[in-house]
């Protein structure tokens, strides 16, 4: 069966530019303001690495540590993404 995939501008990670995004990766969870997306990585400002989430309905992460500067996350590492907090 042939499947046709249609790309839509402004969808996916691009829709989070200028907004907070949470990236679930193979080992860690990263969260911050999405300020850049290219074919290789996502750039986050005011980024944190989440070591313990707590309940997903909680208003804050149980243990999120601020990263020292803007942070880049490889697209290959991302399993899923969205707005969490």
Protein backbone atom coordinates (compact mmCIF):
# COMPACT_ATOMS: atom_id res chain seq x y z
CA UNK A 1 0.00 0.00 0.00
CA UNK A 2 1.36 3.40 -0.95
CA UNK A 3 1.13 6.11 1.70
CA UNK A 4 1.47 9.77 0.81
CA UNK A 5 2.97 11.97 3.51
CA UNK A 6 2.20 15.64 3.34
CA UNK A 7 4.50 18.07 5.14
CA UNK A 8 2.81 21.05 6.76
CA UNK A 9 4.83 24.18 7.52
CA UNK A 10 4.70 25.25 11.15
CA UNK A 11 3.82 21.78 12.46
CA UNK A 12 5.84 19.60 14.81
CA UNK A 13 8.68 21.17 16.76
CA UNK A 14 8.44 24.33 14.65
CA UNK A 15 5.07 25.03 16.26
CA UNK A 16 6.87 25.39 19.62
CA UNK A 17 9.28 28.13 18.50
CA UNK A 18 9.14 30.85 21.15
CA UNK A 19 7.17 28.58 23.51
CA UNK A 20 8.01 26.12 26.25
CA UNK A 21 8.43 22.52 25.15
CA UNK A 22 9.20 19.28 26.97
CA UNK A 23 11.32 16.73 25.10
CA UNK A 24 11.13 13.10 26.20
CA UNK A 25 14.36 11.41 25.14
CA UNK A 26 15.75 7.89 25.55
CA UNK A 27 17.21 8.57 28.99
CA UNK A 28 16.38 12.12 30.06
CA UNK A 29 13.61 14.68 29.83
CA UNK A 30 14.54 18.23 28.79
CA UNK A 31 12.32 21.26 29.10
CA UNK A 32 12.72 24.92 28.16
CA UNK A 33 11.86 27.61 25.66
CA UNK A 34 12.30 26.37 22.10
CA UNK A 35 14.32 29.01 20.25
CA UNK A 36 15.70 27.02 17.32
CA UNK A 37 15.01 23.92 15.24
CA UNK A 38 17.04 22.56 12.36
CA UNK A 39 17.66 19.18 10.72
CA UNK A 40 19.98 18.07 13.53
CA UNK A 41 18.90 19.56 16.84
CA UNK A 42 16.59 21.70 18.95
CA UNK A 43 17.93 24.68 20.89
CA UNK A 44 16.39 25.37 24.30
CA UNK A 45 16.85 28.51 26.40
CA UNK A 46 16.22 28.58 30.13
CA UNK A 47 16.56 24.81 29.86
CA UNK A 48 16.30 22.21 32.60
CA UNK A 49 16.91 18.49 32.78
CA UNK A 50 14.15 16.64 34.61
CA UNK A 51 15.42 13.89 36.90
CA UNK A 52 12.07 13.15 38.56
CA UNK A 53 8.70 14.17 37.19
CA UNK A 54 6.30 13.60 40.05
CA UNK A 55 2.68 13.29 38.95
CA UNK A 56 2.11 14.69 35.47
CA UNK A 57 -0.85 16.62 36.87
CA UNK A 58 1.39 18.48 39.37
CA UNK A 59 2.08 22.13 38.48
CA UNK A 60 5.87 21.70 38.78
CA UNK A 61 8.44 18.98 38.25
CA UNK A 62 9.51 17.11 41.37
CA UNK A 63 13.22 17.46 40.47
CA UNK A 64 14.26 19.64 37.53
CA UNK A 65 17.79 21.07 37.45
CA UNK A 66 18.57 24.22 35.48
CA UNK A 67 21.24 23.82 32.83
CA UNK A 68 23.99 26.48 32.82
CA UNK A 69 23.29 27.93 29.36
CA UNK A 70 21.27 27.39 26.21
CA UNK A 71 21.07 23.64 25.53
CA UNK A 72 20.97 21.63 22.31
CA UNK A 73 19.11 18.31 22.06
CA UNK A 74 19.65 15.97 19.12
CA UNK A 75 16.52 15.24 17.08
CA UNK A 76 17.58 11.58 16.96
CA UNK A 77 17.31 11.40 20.76
CA UNK A 78 13.74 12.73 20.95
CA UNK A 79 11.00 10.12 21.37
CA UNK A 80 8.12 12.53 21.93
CA UNK A 81 7.48 16.17 22.76
CA UNK A 82 4.77 18.56 23.85
CA UNK A 83 3.72 21.22 26.31
CA UNK A 84 3.77 20.02 29.93
CA UNK A 85 4.21 23.01 32.24
